[in-house]
PDB file of N, CA and C in Angstrom:
ATOM      1  N   MET A   1      23.613 -37.580 163.138  1.00  0.00           N
ATOM      2  CA  MET A   1      24.390 -36.724 163.996  1.00  0.00           C
ATOM      3  C   MET A   1      24.868 -37.567 165.129  1.00  0.00           C
ATOM      4  N   PHE A   2      23.868 -38.158 165.858  1.00  0.00           N
ATOM      5  CA  PHE A   2      24.335 -39.202 166.854  1.00  0.00           C
ATOM      6  C   PHE A   2      23.635 -40.532 166.608  1.00  0.00           C
ATOM      7  N   GLU A   3      24.389 -41.506 166.993  1.00  0.00           N
ATOM      8  CA  GLU A   3      23.790 -42.940 166.995  1.00  0.00           C
ATOM      9  C   GLU A   3      23.449 -43.280 168.285  1.00  0.00           C
ATOM     10  N   TYR A   4      22.427 -44.111 168.474  1.00  0.00           N
ATOM     11  CA  TYR A   4      22.157 -44.498 169.991  1.00  0.00           C
ATOM     12  C   TYR A   4      21.159 -45.914 169.706  1.00  0.00           C
ATOM     13  N   THR A   5      21.143 -46.681 170.726  1.00  0.00           N
ATOM     14  CA  THR A   5      20.444 -47.727 170.743  1.00  0.00           C
ATOM     15  C   THR A   5      19.004 -47.750 171.485  1.00  0.00           C
ATOM     16  N   ASN A   6      18.254 -48.576 171.375  1.00  0.00           N
ATOM     17  CA  ASN A   6      17.026 -48.659 172.053  1.00  0.00           C
ATOM     18  C   ASN A   6      17.294 -48.588 173.633  1.00  0.00           C
ATOM     19  N   GLU A   7      18.458 -49.209 174.191  1.00  0.00           N
ATOM     20  CA  GLU A   7      18.866 -49.191 175.522  1.00  0.00           C
ATOM     21  C   GLU A   7      19.213 -47.637 175.906  1.00  0.00           C
ATOM     22  N   ASP A   8      19.695 -46.856 175.161  1.00  0.00           N
ATOM     23  CA  ASP A   8      19.974 -45.533 175.286  1.00  0.00           C
ATOM     24  C   ASP A   8      18.735 -44.825 175.477  1.00  0.00           C
ATOM     25  N   ILE A   9      17.841 -45.049 174.625  1.00  0.00           N
ATOM     26  CA  ILE A   9      16.450 -44.364 174.594  1.00  0.00           C
ATOM     27  C   ILE A   9      15.668 -44.843 176.084  1.00  0.00           C
ATOM     28  N   GLU A  10      15.798 -46.011 176.438  1.00  0.00           N
ATOM     29  CA  GLU A  10      15.225 -46.554 177.800  1.00  0.00           C
ATOM     30  C   GLU A  10      15.882 -46.051 178.966  1.00  0.00           C
ATOM     31  N   LYS A  11      17.122 -45.770 178.832  1.00  0.00           N
ATOM     32  CA  LYS A  11      18.035 -45.154 179.805  1.00  0.00           C
ATOM     33  C   LYS A  11      17.634 -43.701 180.106  1.00  0.00           C
ATOM     34  N   ALA A  12      17.364 -43.066 178.850  1.00  0.00           N
ATOM     35  CA  ALA A  12      17.010 -41.648 178.871  1.00  0.00           C
ATOM     36  C   ALA A  12      15.451 -41.471 179.624  1.00  0.00           C
ATOM     37  N   LEU A  13      14.608 -42.470 179.116  1.00  0.00           N
ATOM     38  CA  LEU A  13      13.459 -42.433 179.605  1.00  0.00           C
ATOM     39  C   LEU A  13      13.272 -42.487 181.092  1.00  0.00           C
ATOM     40  N   SER A  14      13.984 -43.388 181.587  1.00  0.00           N
ATOM     41  CA  SER A  14      13.929 -43.616 183.197  1.00  0.00           C
ATOM     42  C   SER A  14      14.773 -42.808 183.910  1.00  0.00           C
ATOM     43  N   GLY A  15      15.836 -42.176 183.313  1.00  0.00           N
ATOM     44  CA  GLY A  15      16.845 -41.203 183.924  1.00  0.00           C
ATOM     45  C   GLY A  15      16.518 -39.775 183.814  1.00  0.00           C
ATOM     46  N   TYR A  16      15.803 -39.459 182.917  1.00  0.00           N
ATOM     47  CA  TYR A  16      15.477 -37.807 182.673  1.00  0.00           C
ATOM     48  C   TYR A  16      13.978 -37.500 182.817  1.00  0.00           C
ATOM     49  N   PHE A  17      12.868 -38.551 182.769  1.00  0.00           N
ATOM     50  CA  PHE A  17      11.692 -38.193 182.823  1.00  0.00           C
ATOM     51  C   PHE A  17      11.054 -38.803 184.118  1.00  0.00           C
ATOM     52  N   THR A  18      10.154 -38.050 184.530  1.00  0.00           N
ATOM     53  CA  THR A  18       9.526 -38.568 185.825  1.00  0.00           C
ATOM     54  C   THR A  18       8.137 -39.159 185.526  1.00  0.00           C
ATOM     55  N   SER A  19       7.867 -39.015 184.268  1.00  0.00           N
ATOM     56  CA  SER A  19       6.535 -39.583 183.538  1.00  0.00           C
ATOM     57  C   SER A  19       6.617 -39.554 182.263  1.00  0.00           C
ATOM     58  N   GLN A  20       5.961 -40.634 181.637  1.00  0.00           N
ATOM     59  CA  GLN A  20       5.858 -40.756 180.211  1.00  0.00           C
ATOM     60  C   GLN A  20       4.437 -40.374 179.644  1.00  0.00           C
ATOM     61  N   GLU A  21       3.515 -40.458 180.543  1.00  0.00           N
ATOM     62  CA  GLU A  21       2.153 -40.242 180.053  1.00  0.00           C
ATOM     63  C   GLU A  21       1.399 -39.504 181.343  1.00  0.00           C
ATOM     64  N   PRO A  22       1.359 -38.197 181.285  1.00  0.00           N
ATOM     65  CA  PRO A  22       2.063 -37.128 180.411  1.00  0.00           C
ATOM     66  C   PRO A  22       3.381 -37.157 180.471  1.00  0.00           C
ATOM     67  N   LEU A  23       4.292 -36.779 179.440  1.00  0.00           N
ATOM     68  CA  LEU A  23       5.536 -36.750 179.251  1.00  0.00           C
ATOM     69  C   LEU A  23       5.979 -35.443 180.226  1.00  0.00           C
ATOM     70  N   VAL A  24       6.838 -35.861 181.225  1.00  0.00           N
ATOM     71  CA  VAL A  24       7.403 -34.754 182.196  1.00  0.00           C
ATOM     72  C   VAL A  24       8.876 -35.005 182.255  1.00  0.00           C
ATOM     73  N   LEU A  25       9.701 -34.021 181.884  1.00  0.00           N
ATOM     74  CA  LEU A  25      11.099 -34.146 182.038  1.00  0.00           C
ATOM     75  C   LEU A  25      11.530 -33.623 183.409  1.00  0.00           C
ATOM     76  N   ARG A  26      12.463 -34.349 184.011  1.00  0.00           N
ATOM     77  CA  ARG A  26      12.989 -34.060 185.380  1.00  0.00           C
ATOM     78  C   ARG A  26      13.985 -33.132 185.190  1.00  0.00           C
ATOM     79  N   GLU A  27      14.923 -33.431 184.378  1.00  0.00           N
ATOM     80  CA  GLU A  27      16.037 -32.318 184.022  1.00  0.00           C
ATOM     81  C   GLU A  27      16.576 -32.487 182.661  1.00  0.00           C
ATOM     82  N   PHE A  28      17.035 -31.480 182.079  1.00  0.00           N
ATOM     83  CA  PHE A  28      17.513 -31.537 180.736  1.00  0.00           C
ATOM     84  C   PHE A  28      18.971 -31.983 180.915  1.00  0.00           C
ATOM     85  N   PRO A  29      19.634 -32.835 180.162  1.00  0.00           N
ATOM     86  CA  PRO A  29      20.799 -33.576 180.148  1.00  0.00           C
ATOM     87  C   PRO A  29      22.026 -32.179 179.870  1.00  0.00           C
ATOM     88  N   SER A  30      23.135 -32.468 180.150  1.00  0.00           N
ATOM     89  CA  SER A  30      24.222 -31.678 180.020  1.00  0.00           C
ATOM     90  C   SER A  30      25.006 -32.127 178.768  1.00  0.00           C
ATOM     91  N   LYS A  31      25.057 -33.532 178.463  1.00  0.00           N
ATOM     92  CA  LYS A  31      25.781 -33.858 177.409  1.00  0.00           C
ATOM     93  C   LYS A  31      24.866 -33.909 176.018  1.00  0.00           C
ATOM     94  N   GLN A  32      25.504 -33.560 174.933  1.00  0.00           N
ATOM     95  CA  GLN A  32      24.863 -33.519 173.818  1.00  0.00           C
ATOM     96  C   GLN A  32      24.108 -34.847 173.248  1.00  0.00           C
ATOM     97  N   LYS A  33      24.899 -35.903 173.376  1.00  0.00           N
ATOM     98  CA  LYS A  33      24.119 -37.096 172.971  1.00  0.00           C
ATOM     99  C   LYS A  33      22.743 -37.395 173.851  1.00  0.00           C
ATOM    100  N   ARG A  34      22.989 -37.163 174.921  1.00  0.00           N
ATOM    101  CA  ARG A  34      21.589 -37.339 175.805  1.00  0.00           C
ATOM    102  C   ARG A  34      20.795 -36.323 175.514  1.00  0.00           C
ATOM    103  N   GLN A  35      21.097 -35.154 175.207  1.00  0.00           N
ATOM    104  CA  GLN A  35      20.164 -33.966 174.906  1.00  0.00           C
ATOM    105  C   GLN A  35      19.357 -34.299 173.603  1.00  0.00           C
ATOM    106  N   HIS A  36      20.021 -34.955 172.775  1.00  0.00           N
ATOM    107  CA  HIS A  36      19.443 -35.378 171.361  1.00  0.00           C
ATOM    108  C   HIS A  36      18.503 -36.411 171.451  1.00  0.00           C
ATOM    109  N   ILE A  37      18.823 -37.433 172.364  1.00  0.00           N
ATOM    110  CA  ILE A  37      17.864 -38.473 172.651  1.00  0.00           C
ATOM    111  C   ILE A  37      16.551 -37.945 173.339  1.00  0.00           C
ATOM    112  N   VAL A  38      16.811 -37.205 174.349  1.00  0.00           N
ATOM    113  CA  VAL A  38      15.713 -36.494 175.141  1.00  0.00           C
ATOM    114  C   VAL A  38      14.864 -35.647 174.125  1.00  0.00           C
ATOM    115  N   LEU A  39      15.497 -34.952 173.225  1.00  0.00           N
ATOM    116  CA  LEU A  39      14.795 -34.033 172.222  1.00  0.00           C
ATOM    117  C   LEU A  39      13.949 -34.938 171.378  1.00  0.00           C
ATOM    118  N   ASN A  40      14.395 -35.980 170.865  1.00  0.00           N
ATOM    119  CA  ASN A  40      13.687 -36.902 170.018  1.00  0.00           C
ATOM    120  C   ASN A  40      12.547 -37.590 170.737  1.00  0.00           C
ATOM    121  N   ILE A  41      12.491 -37.633 171.815  1.00  0.00           N
ATOM    122  CA  ILE A  41      11.497 -38.370 172.593  1.00  0.00           C
ATOM    123  C   ILE A  41      10.431 -37.205 172.822  1.00  0.00           C
ATOM    124  N   ILE A  42      10.833 -35.875 173.068  1.00  0.00           N
ATOM    125  CA  ILE A  42       9.912 -34.775 173.144  1.00  0.00           C
ATOM    126  C   ILE A  42       9.175 -34.449 171.692  1.00  0.00           C
ATOM    127  N   LEU A  43      10.038 -34.710 170.794  1.00  0.00           N
ATOM    128  CA  LEU A  43       9.472 -34.319 169.405  1.00  0.00           C
ATOM    129  C   LEU A  43       8.295 -35.229 169.070  1.00  0.00           C
ATOM    130  N   ASN A  44       8.088 -36.405 169.839  1.00  0.00           N
ATOM    131  CA  ASN A  44       7.010 -37.328 169.407  1.00  0.00           C
ATOM    132  C   ASN A  44       5.634 -36.593 169.782  1.00  0.00           C
ATOM    133  N   GLN A  45       5.913 -35.459 170.732  1.00  0.00           N
ATOM    134  CA  GLN A  45       4.467 -34.690 171.107  1.00  0.00           C
ATOM    135  C   GLN A  45       3.951 -33.798 170.013  1.00  0.00           C
ATOM    136  N   PHE A  46       4.799 -33.853 168.921  1.00  0.00           N
ATOM    137  CA  PHE A  46       4.510 -32.966 167.768  1.00  0.00           C
ATOM    138  C   PHE A  46       3.960 -33.720 166.669  1.00  0.00           C
ATOM    139  N   GLU A  47       3.036 -33.366 165.820  1.00  0.00           N
ATOM    140  CA  GLU A  47       2.579 -33.950 164.500  1.00  0.00           C
ATOM    141  C   GLU A  47       3.434 -33.610 163.369  1.00  0.00           C
ATOM    142  N   LYS A  48       3.808 -34.509 162.730  1.00  0.00           N
ATOM    143  CA  LYS A  48       4.711 -34.271 161.432  1.00  0.00           C
ATOM    144  C   LYS A  48       3.698 -33.724 160.576  1.00  0.00           C
ATOM    145  N   GLY A  49       4.206 -32.833 159.769  1.00  0.00           N
ATOM    146  CA  GLY A  49       3.505 -32.227 158.667  1.00  0.00           C
ATOM    147  C   GLY A  49       2.492 -31.089 159.145  1.00  0.00           C
ATOM    148  N   ARG A  50       2.428 -30.852 160.379  1.00  0.00           N
ATOM    149  CA  ARG A  50       1.471 -29.641 160.972  1.00  0.00           C
ATOM    150  C   ARG A  50       2.493 -28.427 161.353  1.00  0.00           C
ATOM    151  N   LYS A  51       1.944 -27.471 160.965  1.00  0.00           N
ATOM    152  CA  LYS A  51       2.541 -26.062 161.332  1.00  0.00           C
ATOM    153  C   LYS A  51       1.896 -25.626 162.773  1.00  0.00           C
ATOM    154  N   TYR A  52       2.821 -25.069 163.628  1.00  0.00           N
ATOM    155  CA  TYR A  52       2.486 -24.783 165.037  1.00  0.00           C
ATOM    156  C   TYR A  52       2.907 -23.260 165.153  1.00  0.00           C
ATOM    157  N   THR A  53       2.235 -22.641 165.741  1.00  0.00           N
ATOM    158  CA  THR A  53       2.547 -21.128 166.266  1.00  0.00           C
ATOM    159  C   THR A  53       3.647 -21.324 167.358  1.00  0.00           C
ATOM    160  N   GLU A  54       4.360 -20.236 167.531  1.00  0.00           N
ATOM    161  CA  GLU A  54       5.101 -20.312 168.758  1.00  0.00           C
ATOM    162  C   GLU A  54       4.511 -20.601 169.991  1.00  0.00           C
ATOM    163  N   LYS A  55       3.333 -19.942 170.265  1.00  0.00           N
ATOM    164  CA  LYS A  55       2.577 -20.093 171.433  1.00  0.00           C
ATOM    165  C   LYS A  55       2.137 -21.604 171.634  1.00  0.00           C
ATOM    166  N   GLU A  56       1.714 -22.280 170.567  1.00  0.00           N
ATOM    167  CA  GLU A  56       1.434 -23.651 170.596  1.00  0.00           C
ATOM    168  C   GLU A  56       2.536 -24.461 170.938  1.00  0.00           C
ATOM    169  N   VAL A  57       3.705 -24.254 170.444  1.00  0.00           N
ATOM    170  CA  VAL A  57       5.068 -24.907 170.737  1.00  0.00           C
ATOM    171  C   VAL A  57       5.315 -24.774 172.302  1.00  0.00           C
ATOM    172  N   ASN A  58       5.297 -23.436 172.666  1.00  0.00           N
ATOM    173  CA  ASN A  58       5.650 -23.259 174.024  1.00  0.00           C
ATOM    174  C   ASN A  58       4.584 -23.899 174.910  1.00  0.00           C
ATOM    175  N   ASP A  59       3.236 -24.065 174.546  1.00  0.00           N
ATOM    176  CA  ASP A  59       2.100 -24.611 175.413  1.00  0.00           C
ATOM    177  C   ASP A  59       2.626 -26.085 175.609  1.00  0.00           C
ATOM    178  N   ILE A  60       2.892 -26.801 174.560  1.00  0.00           N
ATOM    179  CA  ILE A  60       3.283 -28.344 174.560  1.00  0.00           C
ATOM    180  C   ILE A  60       4.594 -28.442 175.396  1.00  0.00           C
ATOM    181  N   LEU A  61       5.506 -27.544 175.182  1.00  0.00           N
ATOM    182  CA  LEU A  61       6.803 -27.893 175.792  1.00  0.00           C
ATOM    183  C   LEU A  61       6.643 -27.342 177.316  1.00  0.00           C
ATOM    184  N   CYS A  62       6.117 -26.314 177.769  1.00  0.00           N
ATOM    185  CA  CYS A  62       5.919 -25.994 179.130  1.00  0.00           C
ATOM    186  C   CYS A  62       5.258 -27.096 180.011  1.00  0.00           C
ATOM    187  N   GLU A  63       4.360 -27.929 179.519  1.00  0.00           N
ATOM    188  CA  GLU A  63       3.762 -28.992 180.064  1.00  0.00           C
ATOM    189  C   GLU A  63       4.845 -30.047 180.465  1.00  0.00           C
ATOM    190  N   ILE A  64       5.865 -30.185 179.605  1.00  0.00           N
ATOM    191  CA  ILE A  64       6.933 -31.119 179.684  1.00  0.00           C
ATOM    192  C   ILE A  64       8.085 -30.731 180.691  1.00  0.00           C
ATOM    193  N   TYR A  65       8.284 -29.335 180.634  1.00  0.00           N
ATOM    194  CA  TYR A  65       9.652 -28.820 181.338  1.00  0.00           C
ATOM    195  C   TYR A  65       9.554 -27.360 181.565  1.00  0.00           C
ATOM    196  N   PRO A  66       9.573 -26.885 182.666  1.00  0.00           N
ATOM    197  CA  PRO A  66       9.503 -25.444 183.035  1.00  0.00           C
ATOM    198  C   PRO A  66      10.279 -24.521 182.153  1.00  0.00           C
ATOM    199  N   ASP A  67      11.590 -25.069 181.730  1.00  0.00           N
ATOM    200  CA  ASP A  67      12.276 -24.085 180.909  1.00  0.00           C
ATOM    201  C   ASP A  67      12.144 -24.526 179.414  1.00  0.00           C
ATOM    202  N   TYR A  68      10.884 -24.332 179.019  1.00  0.00           N
ATOM    203  CA  TYR A  68      10.565 -24.456 177.675  1.00  0.00           C
ATOM    204  C   TYR A  68      11.273 -23.674 176.553  1.00  0.00           C
ATOM    205  N   VAL A  69      11.772 -22.798 176.872  1.00  0.00           N
ATOM    206  CA  VAL A  69      12.623 -21.848 176.060  1.00  0.00           C
ATOM    207  C   VAL A  69      13.849 -22.614 175.546  1.00  0.00           C
ATOM    208  N   THR A  70      14.253 -23.245 176.492  1.00  0.00           N
ATOM    209  CA  THR A  70      15.705 -23.908 176.207  1.00  0.00           C
ATOM    210  C   THR A  70      15.344 -25.142 175.391  1.00  0.00           C
ATOM    211  N   LEU A  71      14.244 -26.033 175.575  1.00  0.00           N
ATOM    212  CA  LEU A  71      13.713 -27.024 174.924  1.00  0.00           C
ATOM    213  C   LEU A  71      13.547 -26.476 173.292  1.00  0.00           C
ATOM    214  N   ARG A  72      12.687 -25.509 173.341  1.00  0.00           N
ATOM    215  CA  ARG A  72      12.473 -24.944 171.974  1.00  0.00           C
ATOM    216  C   ARG A  72      13.698 -24.469 171.139  1.00  0.00           C
ATOM    217  N   ARG A  73      14.610 -23.944 171.814  1.00  0.00           N
ATOM    218  CA  ARG A  73      15.716 -23.508 171.001  1.00  0.00           C
ATOM    219  C   ARG A  73      16.699 -24.583 170.639  1.00  0.00           C
ATOM    220  N   SER A  74      16.640 -25.618 171.477  1.00  0.00           N
ATOM    221  CA  SER A  74      17.460 -26.870 171.317  1.00  0.00           C
ATOM    222  C   SER A  74      16.889 -27.817 170.223  1.00  0.00           C
ATOM    223  N   LEU A  75      15.542 -27.772 170.096  1.00  0.00           N
ATOM    224  CA  LEU A  75      14.974 -28.356 168.880  1.00  0.00           C
ATOM    225  C   LEU A  75      15.310 -27.885 167.712  1.00  0.00           C
ATOM    226  N   ILE A  76      15.355 -26.563 167.698  1.00  0.00           N
ATOM    227  CA  ILE A  76      15.835 -25.834 166.453  1.00  0.00           C
ATOM    228  C   ILE A  76      17.390 -25.922 166.127  1.00  0.00           C
ATOM    229  N   ASP A  77      18.135 -25.895 167.297  1.00  0.00           N
ATOM    230  CA  ASP A  77      19.539 -25.880 167.008  1.00  0.00           C
ATOM    231  C   ASP A  77      20.038 -27.376 166.433  1.00  0.00           C
ATOM    232  N   TYR A  78      19.367 -28.525 167.079  1.00  0.00           N
ATOM    233  CA  TYR A  78      19.744 -29.773 166.678  1.00  0.00           C
ATOM    234  C   TYR A  78      19.006 -30.201 165.229  1.00  0.00           C
ATOM    235  N   LYS A  79      18.399 -29.003 164.804  1.00  0.00           N
ATOM    236  CA  LYS A  79      17.597 -29.321 163.492  1.00  0.00           C
ATOM    237  C   LYS A  79      16.488 -30.645 163.365  1.00  0.00           C
ATOM    238  N   LEU A  80      15.863 -30.554 164.600  1.00  0.00           N
ATOM    239  CA  LEU A  80      14.581 -31.372 164.790  1.00  0.00           C
ATOM    240  C   LEU A  80      13.347 -30.773 164.318  1.00  0.00           C
ATOM    241  N   MET A  81      13.485 -29.496 164.624  1.00  0.00           N
ATOM    242  CA  MET A  81      12.273 -28.541 164.186  1.00  0.00           C
ATOM    243  C   MET A  81      12.821 -27.542 163.272  1.00  0.00           C
ATOM    244  N   ASP A  82      11.888 -26.850 162.666  1.00  0.00           N
ATOM    245  CA  ASP A  82      12.473 -25.618 161.847  1.00  0.00           C
ATOM    246  C   ASP A  82      11.345 -24.606 162.141  1.00  0.00           C
ATOM    247  N   ARG A  83      11.626 -23.357 161.733  1.00  0.00           N
ATOM    248  CA  ARG A  83      10.622 -22.334 161.734  1.00  0.00           C
ATOM    249  C   ARG A  83      10.841 -21.220 160.730  1.00  0.00           C
ATOM    250  N   THR A  84       9.949 -20.445 160.491  1.00  0.00           N
ATOM    251  CA  THR A  84      10.023 -19.234 159.615  1.00  0.00           C
ATOM    252  C   THR A  84      11.020 -18.228 160.024  1.00  0.00           C
ATOM    253  N   ARG A  85      11.378 -17.351 159.363  1.00  0.00           N
ATOM    254  CA  ARG A  85      12.482 -16.215 159.896  1.00  0.00           C
ATOM    255  C   ARG A  85      11.741 -15.497 161.064  1.00  0.00           C
ATOM    256  N   ASN A  86      10.595 -15.253 160.945  1.00  0.00           N
ATOM    257  CA  ASN A  86      10.028 -14.305 161.935  1.00  0.00           C
ATOM    258  C   ASN A  86       9.208 -15.084 163.086  1.00  0.00           C
ATOM    259  N   CYS A  87       9.620 -16.539 163.182  1.00  0.00           N
ATOM    260  CA  CYS A  87       9.283 -17.207 164.115  1.00  0.00           C
ATOM    261  C   CYS A  87       7.709 -17.475 164.262  1.00  0.00           C
ATOM    262  N   SER A  88       6.951 -17.372 163.196  1.00  0.00           N
ATOM    263  CA  SER A  88       5.603 -17.226 163.445  1.00  0.00           C
ATOM    264  C   SER A  88       4.898 -18.708 163.239  1.00  0.00           C
ATOM    265  N   GLU A  89       5.757 -19.608 162.575  1.00  0.00           N
ATOM    266  CA  GLU A  89       5.335 -21.126 162.238  1.00  0.00           C
ATOM    267  C   GLU A  89       6.538 -21.838 162.565  1.00  0.00           C
ATOM    268  N   TYR A  90       6.230 -22.964 163.359  1.00  0.00           N
ATOM    269  CA  TYR A  90       7.242 -24.160 163.523  1.00  0.00           C
ATOM    270  C   TYR A  90       6.687 -25.404 162.995  1.00  0.00           C
ATOM    271  N   TRP A  91       7.596 -26.380 162.667  1.00  0.00           N
ATOM    272  CA  TRP A  91       7.299 -27.412 162.328  1.00  0.00           C
ATOM    273  C   TRP A  91       8.361 -28.595 162.420  1.00  0.00           C
ATOM    274  N   VAL A  92       8.041 -29.961 162.564  1.00  0.00           N
ATOM    275  CA  VAL A  92       8.830 -30.971 162.541  1.00  0.00           C
ATOM    276  C   VAL A  92       9.614 -31.070 161.334  1.00  0.00           C
ATOM    277  N   LYS A  93      10.925 -31.186 161.253  1.00  0.00           N
ATOM    278  CA  LYS A  93      11.590 -31.353 160.151  1.00  0.00           C
ATOM    279  C   LYS A  93      11.654 -32.763 159.653  1.00  0.00           C
ATOM    280  N   GLU A  94      11.529 -32.997 158.360  1.00  0.00           N
ATOM    281  CA  GLU A  94      11.594 -34.221 157.732  1.00  0.00           C
ATOM    282  C   GLU A  94      13.102 -34.810 158.092  1.00  0.00           C
ATOM    283  N   LYS A  95      13.144 -36.040 158.438  1.00  0.00           N
ATOM    284  CA  LYS A  95      14.663 -36.635 158.562  1.00  0.00           C
ATOM    285  C   LYS A  95      15.156 -36.785 157.366  1.00  0.00           C
ATOM    286  N   GLU A  96      16.513 -36.414 157.315  1.00  0.00           N
ATOM    287  CA  GLU A  96      17.394 -36.583 155.988  1.00  0.00           C
ATOM    288  C   GLU A  96      18.069 -37.879 155.818  1.00  0.00           C
ATOM    289  N   ASN A  97      18.093 -38.493 154.636  1.00  0.00           N
ATOM    290  CA  ASN A  97      18.726 -39.714 154.562  1.00  0.00           C
ATOM    291  C   ASN A  97      20.086 -39.861 154.497  1.00  0.00           C
TER     292      ASN A  97
END
């Protein structure tokens, strides 16, 4: 979808996050490429292969940013996470080759 460099990631970490441990987002970017970078950084807070309830996803995301609903929706919209139709389970999507 988007191609970016390690420099782009470093800029996102320093520009959009106030802390990396724990991960705290200052603001959610308006540009799509930057959103994608930020969301990929956030995605690292989730275990691949694990199923999460909506509450678990919300709990993780609200520690990162107050508007966790926007983050959750964006993770789905950018196809970084997937969920069941009834939103009872969420998981990290496998990257397509």
